[in-house]
Amino acid sequence: MIRVALPAHLRKLARVDGEVKLDVEGQVTQRSVLDALEARYPMLRGTIRDHVTQKRRPFVRFFACGEDVSHDPADTPLPEAIATGTEPFFIMGAIAGG
């Protein structure tokens, strides 16, 4: 079971409180986690990654075990702690301002 922590605006859109728990088939990668997330919460499709290209939206970041993995290839295996559910996979919106 994979744990996913979503930013507040995506939790509200998905109508969930707290972390989301997902079953991911096969290797645990950014792509497989996002595929499982969008399958379970279809209202999130297009909010985290582009509908057509499946690329991460510019102001969204992914973190695994405290490391920014946003620019890693989508099929790179995530750390064992994410795959086992020991640590959550964080999806965060970038914060900008001045």
PDB file of N, CA and C in Angstrom:
ATOM      1  N   MET A   1       0.846  -1.174   0.000  1.00  0.00           N
ATOM      2  CA  MET A   1       0.000   0.000   0.000  1.00  0.00           C
ATOM      3  C   MET A   1       0.891   1.236   0.000  1.00  0.00           C
ATOM      4  N   ILE A   2       0.650   2.126  -0.939  1.00  0.00           N
ATOM      5  CA  ILE A   2       1.391   3.370  -1.087  1.00  0.00           C
ATOM      6  C   ILE A   2       0.611   4.476  -0.392  1.00  0.00           C
ATOM      7  N   ARG A   3       1.333   5.337   0.312  1.00  0.00           N
ATOM      8  CA  ARG A   3       0.718   6.503   0.952  1.00  0.00           C
ATOM      9  C   ARG A   3       1.066   7.741   0.132  1.00  0.00           C
ATOM     10  N   VAL A   4       0.059   8.550  -0.183  1.00  0.00           N
ATOM     11  CA  VAL A   4       0.271   9.769  -0.963  1.00  0.00           C
ATOM     12  C   VAL A   4      -0.273  10.946  -0.173  1.00  0.00           C
ATOM     13  N   ALA A   5       0.572  11.953   0.027  1.00  0.00           N
ATOM     14  CA  ALA A   5       0.164  13.188   0.689  1.00  0.00           C
ATOM     15  C   ALA A   5      -0.088  14.241  -0.386  1.00  0.00           C
ATOM     16  N   LEU A   6      -1.293  14.751  -0.411  1.00  0.00           N
ATOM     17  CA  LEU A   6      -1.697  15.741  -1.412  1.00  0.00           C
ATOM     18  C   LEU A   6      -1.773  17.131  -0.782  1.00  0.00           C
ATOM     19  N   PRO A   7      -1.565  18.178  -1.590  1.00  0.00           N
ATOM     20  CA  PRO A   7      -1.770  19.532  -1.068  1.00  0.00           C
ATOM     21  C   PRO A   7      -3.257  19.771  -0.808  1.00  0.00           C
ATOM     22  N   ALA A   8      -3.554  20.748   0.030  1.00  0.00           N
ATOM     23  CA  ALA A   8      -4.933  21.011   0.471  1.00  0.00           C
ATOM     24  C   ALA A   8      -5.917  21.167  -0.683  1.00  0.00           C
ATOM     25  N   HIS A   9      -5.539  21.896  -1.728  1.00  0.00           N
ATOM     26  CA  HIS A   9      -6.497  22.130  -2.815  1.00  0.00           C
ATOM     27  C   HIS A   9      -6.829  20.841  -3.576  1.00  0.00           C
ATOM     28  N   LEU A  10      -5.873  19.906  -3.678  1.00  0.00           N
ATOM     29  CA  LEU A  10      -6.175  18.636  -4.345  1.00  0.00           C
ATOM     30  C   LEU A  10      -6.944  17.690  -3.431  1.00  0.00           C
ATOM     31  N   ARG A  11      -6.689  17.749  -2.118  1.00  0.00           N
ATOM     32  CA  ARG A  11      -7.494  16.963  -1.171  1.00  0.00           C
ATOM     33  C   ARG A  11      -8.944  17.409  -1.240  1.00  0.00           C
ATOM     34  N   LYS A  12      -9.160  18.713  -1.303  1.00  0.00           N
ATOM     35  CA  LYS A  12     -10.527  19.239  -1.384  1.00  0.00           C
ATOM     36  C   LYS A  12     -11.201  18.779  -2.676  1.00  0.00           C
ATOM     37  N   LEU A  13     -10.476  18.865  -3.792  1.00  0.00           N
ATOM     38  CA  LEU A  13     -11.020  18.438  -5.081  1.00  0.00           C
ATOM     39  C   LEU A  13     -11.371  16.948  -5.062  1.00  0.00           C
ATOM     40  N   ALA A  14     -10.507  16.137  -4.448  1.00  0.00           N
ATOM     41  CA  ALA A  14     -10.735  14.688  -4.387  1.00  0.00           C
ATOM     42  C   ALA A  14     -11.687  14.295  -3.266  1.00  0.00           C
ATOM     43  N   ARG A  15     -12.033  15.260  -2.420  1.00  0.00           N
ATOM     44  CA  ARG A  15     -12.928  15.027  -1.271  1.00  0.00           C
ATOM     45  C   ARG A  15     -12.354  13.985  -0.307  1.00  0.00           C
ATOM     46  N   VAL A  16     -11.086  14.209   0.065  1.00  0.00           N
ATOM     47  CA  VAL A  16     -10.429  13.327   1.024  1.00  0.00           C
ATOM     48  C   VAL A  16      -9.815  14.168   2.142  1.00  0.00           C
ATOM     49  N   ASP A  17      -9.636  13.547   3.286  1.00  0.00           N
ATOM     50  CA  ASP A  17      -8.936  14.166   4.403  1.00  0.00           C
ATOM     51  C   ASP A  17      -7.664  13.377   4.645  1.00  0.00           C
ATOM     52  N   GLY A  18      -6.564  14.056   4.805  1.00  0.00           N
ATOM     53  CA  GLY A  18      -5.318  13.373   5.109  1.00  0.00           C
ATOM     54  C   GLY A  18      -4.725  12.656   3.907  1.00  0.00           C
ATOM     55  N   GLU A  19      -3.882  11.688   4.221  1.00  0.00           N
ATOM     56  CA  GLU A  19      -3.197  10.925   3.172  1.00  0.00           C
ATOM     57  C   GLU A  19      -4.151   9.990   2.441  1.00  0.00           C
ATOM     58  N   VAL A  20      -3.787   9.703   1.203  1.00  0.00           N
ATOM     59  CA  VAL A  20      -4.517   8.743   0.374  1.00  0.00           C
ATOM     60  C   VAL A  20      -3.704   7.455   0.358  1.00  0.00           C
ATOM     61  N   LYS A  21      -4.365   6.325   0.486  1.00  0.00           N
ATOM     62  CA  LYS A  21      -3.686   5.027   0.412  1.00  0.00           C
ATOM     63  C   LYS A  21      -4.101   4.339  -0.876  1.00  0.00           C
ATOM     64  N   LEU A  22      -3.100   3.868  -1.624  1.00  0.00           N
ATOM     65  CA  LEU A  22      -3.341   3.273  -2.937  1.00  0.00           C
ATOM     66  C   LEU A  22      -2.640   1.940  -3.076  1.00  0.00           C
ATOM     67  N   ASP A  23      -3.248   1.048  -3.830  1.00  0.00           N
ATOM     68  CA  ASP A  23      -2.584  -0.182  -4.242  1.00  0.00           C
ATOM     69  C   ASP A  23      -1.993   0.084  -5.621  1.00  0.00           C
ATOM     70  N   VAL A  24      -0.711  -0.207  -5.765  1.00  0.00           N
ATOM     71  CA  VAL A  24      -0.022  -0.002  -7.042  1.00  0.00           C
ATOM     72  C   VAL A  24       0.458  -1.350  -7.528  1.00  0.00           C
ATOM     73  N   GLU A  25       0.080  -1.684  -8.753  1.00  0.00           N
ATOM     74  CA  GLU A  25       0.505  -2.940  -9.362  1.00  0.00           C
ATOM     75  C   GLU A  25       1.909  -2.794  -9.938  1.00  0.00           C
ATOM     76  N   GLY A  26       2.729  -3.791  -9.761  1.00  0.00           N
ATOM     77  CA  GLY A  26       4.065  -3.794 -10.352  1.00  0.00           C
ATOM     78  C   GLY A  26       5.018  -2.854  -9.650  1.00  0.00           C
ATOM     79  N   GLN A  27       5.987  -2.369 -10.418  1.00  0.00           N
ATOM     80  CA  GLN A  27       7.025  -1.504  -9.868  1.00  0.00           C
ATOM     81  C   GLN A  27       6.446  -0.149  -9.457  1.00  0.00           C
ATOM     82  N   VAL A  28       6.905   0.366  -8.325  1.00  0.00           N
ATOM     83  CA  VAL A  28       6.409   1.639  -7.815  1.00  0.00           C
ATOM     84  C   VAL A  28       7.271   2.766  -8.380  1.00  0.00           C
ATOM     85  N   THR A  29       6.662   3.549  -9.269  1.00  0.00           N
ATOM     86  CA  THR A  29       7.313   4.673  -9.927  1.00  0.00           C
ATOM     87  C   THR A  29       6.377   5.874  -9.836  1.00  0.00           C
ATOM     88  N   GLN A  30       6.876   7.034 -10.208  1.00  0.00           N
ATOM     89  CA  GLN A  30       5.987   8.199 -10.257  1.00  0.00           C
ATOM     90  C   GLN A  30       4.789   7.905 -11.147  1.00  0.00           C
ATOM     91  N   ARG A  31       5.061   7.330 -12.313  1.00  0.00           N
ATOM     92  CA  ARG A  31       3.982   7.049 -13.268  1.00  0.00           C
ATOM     93  C   ARG A  31       2.944   6.088 -12.675  1.00  0.00           C
ATOM     94  N   SER A  32       3.396   5.002 -12.051  1.00  0.00           N
ATOM     95  CA  SER A  32       2.441   4.024 -11.522  1.00  0.00           C
ATOM     96  C   SER A  32       1.641   4.598 -10.357  1.00  0.00           C
ATOM     97  N   VAL A  33       2.277   5.430  -9.531  1.00  0.00           N
ATOM     98  CA  VAL A  33       1.559   6.066  -8.416  1.00  0.00           C
ATOM     99  C   VAL A  33       0.516   7.042  -8.954  1.00  0.00           C
ATOM    100  N   LEU A  34       0.903   7.874  -9.920  1.00  0.00           N
ATOM    101  CA  LEU A  34      -0.043   8.841 -10.488  1.00  0.00           C
ATOM    102  C   LEU A  34      -1.157   8.146 -11.264  1.00  0.00           C
ATOM    103  N   ASP A  35      -0.825   7.070 -11.975  1.00  0.00           N
ATOM    104  CA  ASP A  35      -1.875   6.303 -12.666  1.00  0.00           C
ATOM    105  C   ASP A  35      -2.894   5.769 -11.669  1.00  0.00           C
ATOM    106  N   ALA A  36      -2.429   5.196 -10.563  1.00  0.00           N
ATOM    107  CA  ALA A  36      -3.329   4.655  -9.543  1.00  0.00           C
ATOM    108  C   ALA A  36      -4.135   5.765  -8.879  1.00  0.00           C
ATOM    109  N   LEU A  37      -3.493   6.896  -8.625  1.00  0.00           N
ATOM    110  CA  LEU A  37      -4.179   8.034  -8.004  1.00  0.00           C
ATOM    111  C   LEU A  37      -5.289   8.548  -8.909  1.00  0.00           C
ATOM    112  N   GLU A  38      -4.991   8.730 -10.194  1.00  0.00           N
ATOM    113  CA  GLU A  38      -5.997   9.243 -11.129  1.00  0.00           C
ATOM    114  C   GLU A  38      -7.091   8.229 -11.415  1.00  0.00           C
ATOM    115  N   ALA A  39      -6.776   6.936 -11.344  1.00  0.00           N
ATOM    116  CA  ALA A  39      -7.813   5.912 -11.542  1.00  0.00           C
ATOM    117  C   ALA A  39      -8.804   5.933 -10.376  1.00  0.00           C
ATOM    118  N   ARG A  40      -8.290   6.110  -9.176  1.00  0.00           N
ATOM    119  CA  ARG A  40      -9.159   6.115  -7.996  1.00  0.00           C
ATOM    120  C   ARG A  40      -9.886   7.447  -7.820  1.00  0.00           C
ATOM    121  N   TYR A  41      -9.221   8.531  -8.201  1.00  0.00           N
ATOM    122  CA  TYR A  41      -9.796   9.874  -8.075  1.00  0.00           C
ATOM    123  C   TYR A  41      -9.760  10.562  -9.435  1.00  0.00           C
ATOM    124  N   PRO A  42     -10.678  10.215 -10.339  1.00  0.00           N
ATOM    125  CA  PRO A  42     -10.638  10.748 -11.701  1.00  0.00           C
ATOM    126  C   PRO A  42     -10.735  12.270 -11.774  1.00  0.00           C
ATOM    127  N   MET A  43     -11.270  12.891 -10.728  1.00  0.00           N
ATOM    128  CA  MET A  43     -11.363  14.349 -10.735  1.00  0.00           C
ATOM    129  C   MET A  43      -9.984  15.018 -10.670  1.00  0.00           C
ATOM    130  N   LEU A  44      -8.947  14.248 -10.354  1.00  0.00           N
ATOM    131  CA  LEU A  44      -7.586  14.789 -10.308  1.00  0.00           C
ATOM    132  C   LEU A  44      -6.869  14.732 -11.653  1.00  0.00           C
ATOM    133  N   ARG A  45      -7.462  14.052 -12.626  1.00  0.00           N
ATOM    134  CA  ARG A  45      -6.836  13.968 -13.955  1.00  0.00           C
ATOM    135  C   ARG A  45      -6.657  15.361 -14.537  1.00  0.00           C
ATOM    136  N   GLY A  46      -5.449  15.631 -14.990  1.00  0.00           N
ATOM    137  CA  GLY A  46      -5.148  16.929 -15.582  1.00  0.00           C
ATOM    138  C   GLY A  46      -4.699  17.980 -14.585  1.00  0.00           C
ATOM    139  N   THR A  47      -4.801  17.699 -13.294  1.00  0.00           N
ATOM    140  CA  THR A  47      -4.382  18.680 -12.300  1.00  0.00           C
ATOM    141  C   THR A  47      -2.914  18.533 -11.920  1.00  0.00           C
ATOM    142  N   ILE A  48      -2.406  17.318 -11.946  1.00  0.00           N
ATOM    143  CA  ILE A  48      -1.033  17.035 -11.539  1.00  0.00           C
ATOM    144  C   ILE A  48      -0.131  16.913 -12.761  1.00  0.00           C
ATOM    145  N   ARG A  49      -0.660  16.342 -13.820  1.00  0.00           N
ATOM    146  CA  ARG A  49       0.093  16.206 -15.067  1.00  0.00           C
ATOM    147  C   ARG A  49      -0.833  16.463 -16.242  1.00  0.00           C
ATOM    148  N   ASP A  50      -0.237  16.860 -17.337  1.00  0.00           N
ATOM    149  CA  ASP A  50      -0.966  17.222 -18.544  1.00  0.00           C
ATOM    150  C   ASP A  50      -1.735  16.017 -19.083  1.00  0.00           C
ATOM    151  N   HIS A  51      -2.955  16.253 -19.563  1.00  0.00           N
ATOM    152  CA  HIS A  51      -3.787  15.178 -20.122  1.00  0.00           C
ATOM    153  C   HIS A  51      -3.107  14.446 -21.270  1.00  0.00           C
ATOM    154  N   VAL A  52      -2.511  15.186 -22.175  1.00  0.00           N
ATOM    155  CA  VAL A  52      -1.976  14.607 -23.399  1.00  0.00           C
ATOM    156  C   VAL A  52      -0.554  14.080 -23.217  1.00  0.00           C
ATOM    157  N   THR A  53       0.344  14.917 -22.714  1.00  0.00           N
ATOM    158  CA  THR A  53       1.760  14.534 -22.627  1.00  0.00           C
ATOM    159  C   THR A  53       2.082  13.703 -21.389  1.00  0.00           C
ATOM    160  N   GLN A  54       1.216  13.754 -20.391  1.00  0.00           N
ATOM    161  CA  GLN A  54       1.422  13.072 -19.106  1.00  0.00           C
ATOM    162  C   GLN A  54       2.620  13.630 -18.337  1.00  0.00           C
ATOM    163  N   LYS A  55       3.106  14.822 -18.730  1.00  0.00           N
ATOM    164  CA  LYS A  55       4.215  15.450 -18.024  1.00  0.00           C
ATOM    165  C   LYS A  55       3.688  16.225 -16.816  1.00  0.00           C
ATOM    166  N   ARG A  56       4.505  16.285 -15.801  1.00  0.00           N
ATOM    167  CA  ARG A  56       4.180  16.999 -14.567  1.00  0.00           C
ATOM    168  C   ARG A  56       3.882  18.458 -14.889  1.00  0.00           C
ATOM    169  N   ARG A  57       2.857  19.000 -14.245  1.00  0.00           N
ATOM    170  CA  ARG A  57       2.548  20.415 -14.402  1.00  0.00           C
ATOM    171  C   ARG A  57       3.685  21.230 -13.789  1.00  0.00           C
ATOM    172  N   PRO A  58       4.007  22.397 -14.361  1.00  0.00           N
ATOM    173  CA  PRO A  58       5.183  23.165 -13.920  1.00  0.00           C
ATOM    174  C   PRO A  58       5.210  23.527 -12.436  1.00  0.00           C
ATOM    175  N   PHE A  59       4.089  23.797 -11.824  1.00  0.00           N
ATOM    176  CA  PHE A  59       4.091  24.234 -10.431  1.00  0.00           C
ATOM    177  C   PHE A  59       3.726  23.125  -9.453  1.00  0.00           C
ATOM    178  N   VAL A  60       3.978  21.894  -9.867  1.00  0.00           N
ATOM    179  CA  VAL A  60       3.763  20.732  -8.997  1.00  0.00           C
ATOM    180  C   VAL A  60       5.112  20.058  -8.782  1.00  0.00           C
ATOM    181  N   ARG A  61       5.367  19.657  -7.546  1.00  0.00           N
ATOM    182  CA  ARG A  61       6.618  18.986  -7.203  1.00  0.00           C
ATOM    183  C   ARG A  61       6.314  17.670  -6.510  1.00  0.00           C
ATOM    184  N   PHE A  62       7.225  16.692  -6.701  1.00  0.00           N
ATOM    185  CA  PHE A  62       7.106  15.377  -6.068  1.00  0.00           C
ATOM    186  C   PHE A  62       8.291  15.178  -5.131  1.00  0.00           C
ATOM    187  N   PHE A  63       8.009  14.654  -3.947  1.00  0.00           N
ATOM    188  CA  PHE A  63       9.060  14.385  -2.975  1.00  0.00           C
ATOM    189  C   PHE A  63       8.943  12.953  -2.462  1.00  0.00           C
ATOM    190  N   ALA A  64      10.088  12.285  -2.386  1.00  0.00           N
ATOM    191  CA  ALA A  64      10.163  10.916  -1.863  1.00  0.00           C
ATOM    192  C   ALA A  64      11.305  10.865  -0.858  1.00  0.00           C
ATOM    193  N   CYS A  65      10.986  10.533   0.376  1.00  0.00           N
ATOM    194  CA  CYS A  65      11.990  10.423   1.445  1.00  0.00           C
ATOM    195  C   CYS A  65      12.802  11.712   1.584  1.00  0.00           C
ATOM    196  N   GLY A  66      12.122  12.842   1.494  1.00  0.00           N
ATOM    197  CA  GLY A  66      12.769  14.131   1.676  1.00  0.00           C
ATOM    198  C   GLY A  66      13.523  14.653   0.473  1.00  0.00           C
ATOM    199  N   GLU A  67      13.527  13.921  -0.618  1.00  0.00           N
ATOM    200  CA  GLU A  67      14.248  14.316  -1.831  1.00  0.00           C
ATOM    201  C   GLU A  67      13.264  14.758  -2.917  1.00  0.00           C
ATOM    202  N   ASP A  68      13.604  15.838  -3.608  1.00  0.00           N
ATOM    203  CA  ASP A  68      12.800  16.304  -4.732  1.00  0.00           C
ATOM    204  C   ASP A  68      13.061  15.380  -5.920  1.00  0.00           C
ATOM    205  N   VAL A  69      12.057  14.625  -6.320  1.00  0.00           N
ATOM    206  CA  VAL A  69      12.190  13.698  -7.453  1.00  0.00           C
ATOM    207  C   VAL A  69      11.397  14.188  -8.665  1.00  0.00           C
ATOM    208  N   SER A  70      11.036  15.462  -8.654  1.00  0.00           N
ATOM    209  CA  SER A  70      10.196  16.045  -9.696  1.00  0.00           C
ATOM    210  C   SER A  70      10.792  15.913 -11.091  1.00  0.00           C
ATOM    211  N   HIS A  71      12.115  16.000 -11.192  1.00  0.00           N
ATOM    212  CA  HIS A  71      12.748  15.973 -12.508  1.00  0.00           C
ATOM    213  C   HIS A  71      13.290  14.598 -12.883  1.00  0.00           C
ATOM    214  N   ASP A  72      13.081  13.606 -12.024  1.00  0.00           N
ATOM    215  CA  ASP A  72      13.488  12.237 -12.353  1.00  0.00           C
ATOM    216  C   ASP A  72      12.561  11.695 -13.444  1.00  0.00           C
ATOM    217  N   PRO A  73      13.047  10.800 -14.291  1.00  0.00           N
ATOM    218  CA  PRO A  73      12.160  10.171 -15.283  1.00  0.00           C
ATOM    219  C   PRO A  73      10.971   9.487 -14.586  1.00  0.00           C
ATOM    220  N   ALA A  74       9.818   9.553 -15.209  1.00  0.00           N
ATOM    221  CA  ALA A  74       8.575   9.046 -14.609  1.00  0.00           C
ATOM    222  C   ALA A  74       8.624   7.556 -14.275  1.00  0.00           C
ATOM    223  N   ASP A  75       9.483   6.795 -14.955  1.00  0.00           N
ATOM    224  CA  ASP A  75       9.541   5.355 -14.717  1.00  0.00           C
ATOM    225  C   ASP A  75      10.704   4.928 -13.834  1.00  0.00           C
ATOM    226  N   THR A  76      11.356   5.883 -13.185  1.00  0.00           N
ATOM    227  CA  THR A  76      12.420   5.564 -12.229  1.00  0.00           C
ATOM    228  C   THR A  76      11.778   4.982 -10.974  1.00  0.00           C
ATOM    229  N   PRO A  77      12.249   3.840 -10.500  1.00  0.00           N
ATOM    230  CA  PRO A  77      11.671   3.273  -9.278  1.00  0.00           C
ATOM    231  C   PRO A  77      11.834   4.231  -8.096  1.00  0.00           C
ATOM    232  N   LEU A  78      10.771   4.335  -7.307  1.00  0.00           N
ATOM    233  CA  LEU A  78      10.817   5.155  -6.099  1.00  0.00           C
ATOM    234  C   LEU A  78      11.486   4.359  -4.984  1.00  0.00           C
ATOM    235  N   PRO A  79      11.991   5.036  -3.943  1.00  0.00           N
ATOM    236  CA  PRO A  79      12.679   4.331  -2.854  1.00  0.00           C
ATOM    237  C   PRO A  79      11.805   3.259  -2.194  1.00  0.00           C
ATOM    238  N   GLU A  80      12.462   2.275  -1.616  1.00  0.00           N
ATOM    239  CA  GLU A  80      11.776   1.159  -0.946  1.00  0.00           C
ATOM    240  C   GLU A  80      10.809   1.656   0.135  1.00  0.00           C
ATOM    241  N   ALA A  81      11.194   2.707   0.860  1.00  0.00           N
ATOM    242  CA  ALA A  81      10.322   3.234   1.924  1.00  0.00           C
ATOM    243  C   ALA A  81       8.989   3.735   1.360  1.00  0.00           C
ATOM    244  N   ILE A  82       8.979   4.226   0.133  1.00  0.00           N
ATOM    245  CA  ILE A  82       7.730   4.645  -0.516  1.00  0.00           C
ATOM    246  C   ILE A  82       6.950   3.407  -0.952  1.00  0.00           C
ATOM    247  N   ALA A  83       7.649   2.456  -1.563  1.00  0.00           N
ATOM    248  CA  ALA A  83       7.010   1.241  -2.082  1.00  0.00           C
ATOM    249  C   ALA A  83       6.358   0.419  -0.981  1.00  0.00           C
ATOM    250  N   THR A  84       6.930   0.446   0.223  1.00  0.00           N
ATOM    251  CA  THR A  84       6.367  -0.330   1.335  1.00  0.00           C
ATOM    252  C   THR A  84       5.360   0.456   2.164  1.00  0.00           C
ATOM    253  N   GLY A  85       5.228   1.757   1.889  1.00  0.00           N
ATOM    254  CA  GLY A  85       4.293   2.581   2.640  1.00  0.00           C
ATOM    255  C   GLY A  85       4.848   3.109   3.949  1.00  0.00           C
ATOM    256  N   THR A  86       6.141   2.894   4.190  1.00  0.00           N
ATOM    257  CA  THR A  86       6.767   3.419   5.400  1.00  0.00           C
ATOM    258  C   THR A  86       6.789   4.939   5.365  1.00  0.00           C
ATOM    259  N   GLU A  87       7.064   5.499   4.198  1.00  0.00           N
ATOM    260  CA  GLU A  87       7.103   6.949   3.984  1.00  0.00           C
ATOM    261  C   GLU A  87       6.068   7.313   2.918  1.00  0.00           C
ATOM    262  N   PRO A  88       5.444   8.490   3.026  1.00  0.00           N
ATOM    263  CA  PRO A  88       4.502   8.907   1.982  1.00  0.00           C
ATOM    264  C   PRO A  88       5.202   9.531   0.788  1.00  0.00           C
ATOM    265  N   PHE A  89       4.568   9.444  -0.354  1.00  0.00           N
ATOM    266  CA  PHE A  89       4.972  10.148  -1.565  1.00  0.00           C
ATOM    267  C   PHE A  89       4.251  11.488  -1.507  1.00  0.00           C
ATOM    268  N   PHE A  90       5.008  12.576  -1.467  1.00  0.00           N
ATOM    269  CA  PHE A  90       4.419  13.909  -1.345  1.00  0.00           C
ATOM    270  C   PHE A  90       4.241  14.552  -2.708  1.00  0.00           C
ATOM    271  N   ILE A  91       3.054  15.097  -2.938  1.00  0.00           N
ATOM    272  CA  ILE A  91       2.782  15.914  -4.105  1.00  0.00           C
ATOM    273  C   ILE A  91       2.509  17.306  -3.551  1.00  0.00           C
ATOM    274  N   MET A  92       3.285  18.284  -4.011  1.00  0.00           N
ATOM    275  CA  MET A  92       3.156  19.636  -3.475  1.00  0.00           C
ATOM    276  C   MET A  92       3.027  20.641  -4.597  1.00  0.00           C
ATOM    277  N   GLY A  93       2.247  21.658  -4.324  1.00  0.00           N
ATOM    278  CA  GLY A  93       2.182  22.786  -5.227  1.00  0.00           C
ATOM    279  C   GLY A  93       3.295  23.749  -4.895  1.00  0.00           C
ATOM    280  N   ALA A  94       3.958  24.284  -5.908  1.00  0.00           N
ATOM    281  CA  ALA A  94       5.038  25.230  -5.669  1.00  0.00           C
ATOM    282  C   ALA A  94       4.457  26.516  -5.065  1.00  0.00           C
ATOM    283  N   ILE A  95       5.235  27.121  -4.205  1.00  0.00           N
ATOM    284  CA  ILE A  95       4.810  28.356  -3.560  1.00  0.00           C
ATOM    285  C   ILE A  95       5.615  29.497  -4.169  1.00  0.00           C
ATOM    286  N   ALA A  96       4.924  30.509  -4.619  1.00  0.00           N
ATOM    287  CA  ALA A  96       5.597  31.654  -5.215  1.00  0.00           C
ATOM    288  C   ALA A  96       5.035  32.930  -4.588  1.00  0.00           C
ATOM    289  N   GLY A  97       5.770  33.939  -4.663  1.00  0.00           N
ATOM    290  CA  GLY A  97       5.289  35.212  -4.133  1.00  0.00           C
ATOM    291  C   GLY A  97       6.446  36.123  -3.831  1.00  0.00           C
ATOM    292  N   GLY A  98       6.139  37.255  -3.330  1.00  0.00           N
ATOM    293  CA  GLY A  98       7.227  38.176  -3.055  1.00  0.00           C
ATOM    294  C   GLY A  98       6.858  39.192  -2.018  1.00  0.00           C
TER     295      GLY A  98
END
